[in-house]
Structure formats: structure tokens, C-alpha cells
Amino acid sequence: MADRYPYDPQHQGRYPMMHQQKQPVSHQVVKAATAVTAGGSLLLLSGLTVAATVIALTLATPLLVIFSPVLVPAVITIFLLCSGFLASGGFGVAAVSVLTWIYRYVTGKQPPGADQVDEAKSKLATKAREMKDKAEQHGQ
């Protein structure tokens, strides 16, 4: 079995070497822009969540201390603090995961689900061509 495929040091022998088509630079630029947009959006959401958590704690703590016994605000504050930081961390992990997946996809390493993305892209391109042809037929 090992004799059938040449050794590929990048994949450490796990996958056979495949001849990959070189994508135009414009496609790579679009993919990179998409990666930056998706990852940046998720990182921004993570940062906003941290900021909102701090602001909410800043505003809520004095009111809870003034109008409630000591233990109730402490429990609520700890809950808000934990849930805010957990949500922020979750958004950060999601952003890093998305950026990693898109980087692997752009560099041609075929991450899980890349074949489904390619299949959907080809289906959309086919439908777009069909709609264009229909529009041209109706226009004439």
C-alpha cells in the first residue's frame, strides 16, 4: 500500500499526493478577505461581550448592594461574571476555529467539510448560469 503513493512530508505519509490546481490570485484574495471578515467579526463579538460584561457589572453591583442583602448580589454578580467570561471565551474559541478552518481551506489542506463547501459552490454557480440563461432568453 505504501508503494502506491509517493511520500508526502507535508502530510507525513497519511494522504496520497494530489495534483492541486493553482487558483487565481483573485480567488485567494476573496477567500482571505472572507477569512478576515468572519474571524474579525467573531473576535469583535468576543471583545464586545467582555466589555458588556464589565459595564453590566459596574452598573448592577451598586444597585444590588444598595437594594438587596449581601449574599444575593454576590451570587448574581458571580453568575454574571462567569457567564460573561464563558461567553467571551466561547466566541474567541469559535473565531480561532473558523480562522484555522478557513486558513486550511485557502492553503488547500482540505479541512473537514471542504468538499461540501466546494459542492455547494459548484451548485450555486450552475444555478446562477441557468438563471442568467433564462434571463437572456426572456430578454430577447
C-alpha atoms as a PDB file:
ATOM      1  CA  MET A   1       0.000   0.000   0.000  1.00  0.00           C
ATOM      2  CA  ALA A   2       2.825   2.389   0.868  1.00  0.00           C
ATOM      3  CA  ASP A   3       4.443   1.701  -2.516  1.00  0.00           C
ATOM      4  CA  ARG A   4       1.427   3.010  -4.430  1.00  0.00           C
ATOM      5  CA  TYR A   5       1.716   6.596  -3.216  1.00  0.00           C
ATOM      6  CA  PRO A   6       4.827   8.741  -3.081  1.00  0.00           C
ATOM      7  CA  TYR A   7       5.810  10.088   0.315  1.00  0.00           C
ATOM      8  CA  ASP A   8       4.420  13.497   1.112  1.00  0.00           C
ATOM      9  CA  PRO A   9       6.323  15.101   4.029  1.00  0.00           C
ATOM     10  CA  GLN A  10       3.676  17.792   4.469  1.00  0.00           C
ATOM     11  CA  HIS A  11       1.021  15.188   5.303  1.00  0.00           C
ATOM     12  CA  GLN A  12       3.529  12.798   6.880  1.00  0.00           C
ATOM     13  CA  GLY A  13       2.505   9.928   4.642  1.00  0.00           C
ATOM     14  CA  ARG A  14      -1.144   9.922   5.681  1.00  0.00           C
ATOM     15  CA  TYR A  15      -2.573  11.065   2.358  1.00  0.00           C
ATOM     16  CA  PRO A  16      -1.518  10.402  -1.196  1.00  0.00           C
ATOM     17  CA  MET A  17      -0.013  13.379  -3.004  1.00  0.00           C
ATOM     18  CA  MET A  18      -2.626  15.032  -5.172  1.00  0.00           C
ATOM     19  CA  HIS A  19      -2.034  17.408  -8.014  1.00  0.00           C
ATOM     20  CA  GLN A  20      -3.817  20.545  -6.957  1.00  0.00           C
ATOM     21  CA  GLN A  21      -4.935  23.131  -9.436  1.00  0.00           C
ATOM     22  CA  LYS A  22      -3.457  26.567  -8.879  1.00  0.00           C
ATOM     23  CA  GLN A  23      -6.223  29.015  -8.030  1.00  0.00           C
ATOM     24  CA  PRO A  24      -6.171  32.527  -9.470  1.00  0.00           C
ATOM     25  CA  VAL A  25      -4.923  35.230  -7.151  1.00  0.00           C
ATOM     26  CA  SER A  26      -8.353  36.895  -7.141  1.00  0.00           C
ATOM     27  CA  HIS A  27      -9.935  33.763  -5.629  1.00  0.00           C
ATOM     28  CA  GLN A  28      -7.264  33.637  -2.943  1.00  0.00           C
ATOM     29  CA  VAL A  29      -7.799  37.327  -2.177  1.00  0.00           C
ATOM     30  CA  VAL A  30     -11.558  36.782  -1.869  1.00  0.00           C
ATOM     31  CA  LYS A  31     -11.021  33.792   0.414  1.00  0.00           C
ATOM     32  CA  ALA A  32      -8.561  35.728   2.549  1.00  0.00           C
ATOM     33  CA  ALA A  33     -10.959  38.690   2.771  1.00  0.00           C
ATOM     34  CA  THR A  34     -13.743  36.327   3.821  1.00  0.00           C
ATOM     35  CA  ALA A  35     -11.493  34.768   6.464  1.00  0.00           C
ATOM     36  CA  VAL A  36     -10.528  38.150   7.851  1.00  0.00           C
ATOM     37  CA  THR A  37     -14.152  39.314   7.867  1.00  0.00           C
ATOM     38  CA  ALA A  38     -15.513  36.186   9.591  1.00  0.00           C
ATOM     39  CA  GLY A  39     -12.697  35.906  12.108  1.00  0.00           C
ATOM     40  CA  GLY A  40     -12.625  39.627  12.798  1.00  0.00           C
ATOM     41  CA  SER A  41     -16.372  39.692  13.342  1.00  0.00           C
ATOM     42  CA  LEU A  42     -16.194  36.853  15.844  1.00  0.00           C
ATOM     43  CA  LEU A  43     -13.241  38.404  17.651  1.00  0.00           C
ATOM     44  CA  LEU A  44     -15.077  41.743  17.761  1.00  0.00           C
ATOM     45  CA  LEU A  45     -18.134  39.975  19.190  1.00  0.00           C
ATOM     46  CA  SER A  46     -15.904  38.381  21.816  1.00  0.00           C
ATOM     47  CA  GLY A  47     -14.450  41.746  22.786  1.00  0.00           C
ATOM     48  CA  LEU A  48     -17.867  43.391  22.915  1.00  0.00           C
ATOM     49  CA  THR A  49     -19.104  40.622  25.183  1.00  0.00           C
ATOM     50  CA  VAL A  50     -16.241  41.222  27.607  1.00  0.00           C
ATOM     51  CA  ALA A  51     -16.908  44.977  27.552  1.00  0.00           C
ATOM     52  CA  ALA A  52     -20.652  44.474  28.076  1.00  0.00           C
ATOM     53  CA  THR A  53     -19.948  42.133  30.986  1.00  0.00           C
ATOM     54  CA  VAL A  54     -17.710  44.687  32.681  1.00  0.00           C
ATOM     55  CA  ILE A  55     -20.186  47.524  32.089  1.00  0.00           C
ATOM     56  CA  ALA A  56     -23.112  45.440  33.336  1.00  0.00           C
ATOM     57  CA  LEU A  57     -21.212  44.523  36.485  1.00  0.00           C
ATOM     58  CA  THR A  58     -20.196  48.140  37.025  1.00  0.00           C
ATOM     59  CA  LEU A  59     -23.785  49.353  36.756  1.00  0.00           C
ATOM     60  CA  ALA A  60     -25.504  46.477  38.507  1.00  0.00           C
ATOM     61  CA  THR A  61     -23.256  46.000  41.522  1.00  0.00           C
ATOM     62  CA  PRO A  62     -24.034  49.274  43.348  1.00  0.00           C
ATOM     63  CA  LEU A  63     -27.768  48.883  42.794  1.00  0.00           C
ATOM     64  CA  LEU A  64     -27.734  45.321  44.037  1.00  0.00           C
ATOM     65  CA  VAL A  65     -25.684  46.245  47.092  1.00  0.00           C
ATOM     66  CA  ILE A  66     -27.975  49.146  47.995  1.00  0.00           C
ATOM     67  CA  PHE A  67     -31.307  47.348  47.448  1.00  0.00           C
ATOM     68  CA  SER A  68     -30.513  43.749  48.452  1.00  0.00           C
ATOM     69  CA  PRO A  69     -28.843  41.779  51.175  1.00  0.00           C
ATOM     70  CA  VAL A  70     -25.175  40.987  50.651  1.00  0.00           C
ATOM     71  CA  LEU A  71     -25.465  37.370  49.506  1.00  0.00           C
ATOM     72  CA  VAL A  72     -27.987  37.911  46.696  1.00  0.00           C
ATOM     73  CA  PRO A  73     -25.892  40.485  44.822  1.00  0.00           C
ATOM     74  CA  ALA A  74     -22.790  38.400  45.351  1.00  0.00           C
ATOM     75  CA  VAL A  75     -24.431  35.361  43.751  1.00  0.00           C
ATOM     76  CA  ILE A  76     -25.844  37.401  40.877  1.00  0.00           C
ATOM     77  CA  THR A  77     -22.513  39.169  40.335  1.00  0.00           C
ATOM     78  CA  ILE A  78     -20.604  35.901  40.276  1.00  0.00           C
ATOM     79  CA  PHE A  79     -23.154  34.425  37.858  1.00  0.00           C
ATOM     80  CA  LEU A  80     -22.904  37.452  35.539  1.00  0.00           C
ATOM     81  CA  LEU A  81     -19.128  37.426  35.731  1.00  0.00           C
ATOM     82  CA  CYS A  82     -18.840  33.714  34.962  1.00  0.00           C
ATOM     83  CA  SER A  83     -21.422  33.692  32.176  1.00  0.00           C
ATOM     84  CA  GLY A  84     -19.935  36.798  30.549  1.00  0.00           C
ATOM     85  CA  PHE A  85     -16.401  35.450  30.540  1.00  0.00           C
ATOM     86  CA  LEU A  86     -17.531  31.997  29.414  1.00  0.00           C
ATOM     87  CA  ALA A  87     -19.457  33.542  26.500  1.00  0.00           C
ATOM     88  CA  SER A  88     -16.487  35.732  25.633  1.00  0.00           C
ATOM     89  CA  GLY A  89     -14.133  32.761  25.707  1.00  0.00           C
ATOM     90  CA  GLY A  90     -16.539  30.718  23.603  1.00  0.00           C
ATOM     91  CA  PHE A  91     -16.710  33.426  20.949  1.00  0.00           C
ATOM     92  CA  GLY A  92     -12.921  33.672  20.973  1.00  0.00           C
ATOM     93  CA  VAL A  93     -12.519  29.906  20.519  1.00  0.00           C
ATOM     94  CA  ALA A  94     -15.095  29.967  17.709  1.00  0.00           C
ATOM     95  CA  ALA A  95     -13.216  32.786  15.975  1.00  0.00           C
ATOM     96  CA  VAL A  96      -9.892  30.964  16.177  1.00  0.00           C
ATOM     97  CA  SER A  97     -11.519  27.736  14.949  1.00  0.00           C
ATOM     98  CA  VAL A  98     -13.105  29.486  11.975  1.00  0.00           C
ATOM     99  CA  LEU A  99      -9.865  31.238  11.091  1.00  0.00           C
ATOM    100  CA  THR A 100      -7.955  27.944  11.304  1.00  0.00           C
ATOM    101  CA  TRP A 101     -10.500  26.141   9.118  1.00  0.00           C
ATOM    102  CA  ILE A 102     -10.505  28.918   6.507  1.00  0.00           C
ATOM    103  CA  TYR A 103      -6.688  29.055   6.515  1.00  0.00           C
ATOM    104  CA  ARG A 104      -6.524  25.313   5.866  1.00  0.00           C
ATOM    105  CA  TYR A 105      -9.161  25.637   3.141  1.00  0.00           C
ATOM    106  CA  VAL A 106      -7.322  28.512   1.438  1.00  0.00           C
ATOM    107  CA  THR A 107      -3.990  26.701   1.557  1.00  0.00           C
ATOM    108  CA  GLY A 108      -5.550  23.552   0.033  1.00  0.00           C
ATOM    109  CA  LYS A 109      -5.194  21.222   3.028  1.00  0.00           C
ATOM    110  CA  GLN A 110      -8.862  20.109   2.702  1.00  0.00           C
ATOM    111  CA  PRO A 111     -10.247  20.541   6.243  1.00  0.00           C
ATOM    112  CA  PRO A 112     -13.380  18.600   7.239  1.00  0.00           C
ATOM    113  CA  GLY A 113     -16.363  19.787   5.215  1.00  0.00           C
ATOM    114  CA  ALA A 114     -14.324  21.395   2.417  1.00  0.00           C
ATOM    115  CA  ASP A 115     -15.792  19.004  -0.153  1.00  0.00           C
ATOM    116  CA  GLN A 116     -19.299  20.082   0.886  1.00  0.00           C
ATOM    117  CA  VAL A 117     -18.337  23.737   0.507  1.00  0.00           C
ATOM    118  CA  ASP A 118     -16.916  23.046  -2.958  1.00  0.00           C
ATOM    119  CA  GLU A 119     -20.028  21.098  -3.939  1.00  0.00           C
ATOM    120  CA  ALA A 120     -22.312  23.913  -2.759  1.00  0.00           C
ATOM    121  CA  LYS A 121     -20.168  26.445  -4.612  1.00  0.00           C
ATOM    122  CA  SER A 122     -20.485  24.469  -7.863  1.00  0.00           C
ATOM    123  CA  LYS A 123     -24.255  24.072  -7.396  1.00  0.00           C
ATOM    124  CA  LEU A 124     -24.633  27.819  -6.846  1.00  0.00           C
ATOM    125  CA  ALA A 125     -22.520  28.557  -9.919  1.00  0.00           C
ATOM    126  CA  THR A 126     -24.646  26.174 -12.010  1.00  0.00           C
ATOM    127  CA  LYS A 127     -27.888  27.746 -10.800  1.00  0.00           C
ATOM    128  CA  ALA A 128     -26.521  31.234 -11.452  1.00  0.00           C
ATOM    129  CA  ARG A 129     -25.632  30.231 -15.033  1.00  0.00           C
ATOM    130  CA  GLU A 130     -29.097  28.751 -15.525  1.00  0.00           C
ATOM    131  CA  MET A 131     -30.798  31.914 -14.237  1.00  0.00           C
ATOM    132  CA  LYS A 132     -28.588  34.066 -16.439  1.00  0.00           C
ATOM    133  CA  ASP A 133     -29.516  31.987 -19.490  1.00  0.00           C
ATOM    134  CA  LYS A 134     -33.222  32.215 -18.600  1.00  0.00           C
ATOM    135  CA  ALA A 135     -32.980  35.978 -18.161  1.00  0.00           C
ATOM    136  CA  GLU A 136     -31.253  36.323 -21.508  1.00  0.00           C
ATOM    137  CA  GLN A 137     -33.971  34.188 -23.197  1.00  0.00           C
ATOM    138  CA  HIS A 138     -36.776  36.264 -21.679  1.00  0.00           C
ATOM    139  CA  GLY A 139     -34.999  39.490 -22.576  1.00  0.00           C
ATOM    140  CA  GLN A 140     -34.958  38.554 -26.246  1.00  0.00           C
END
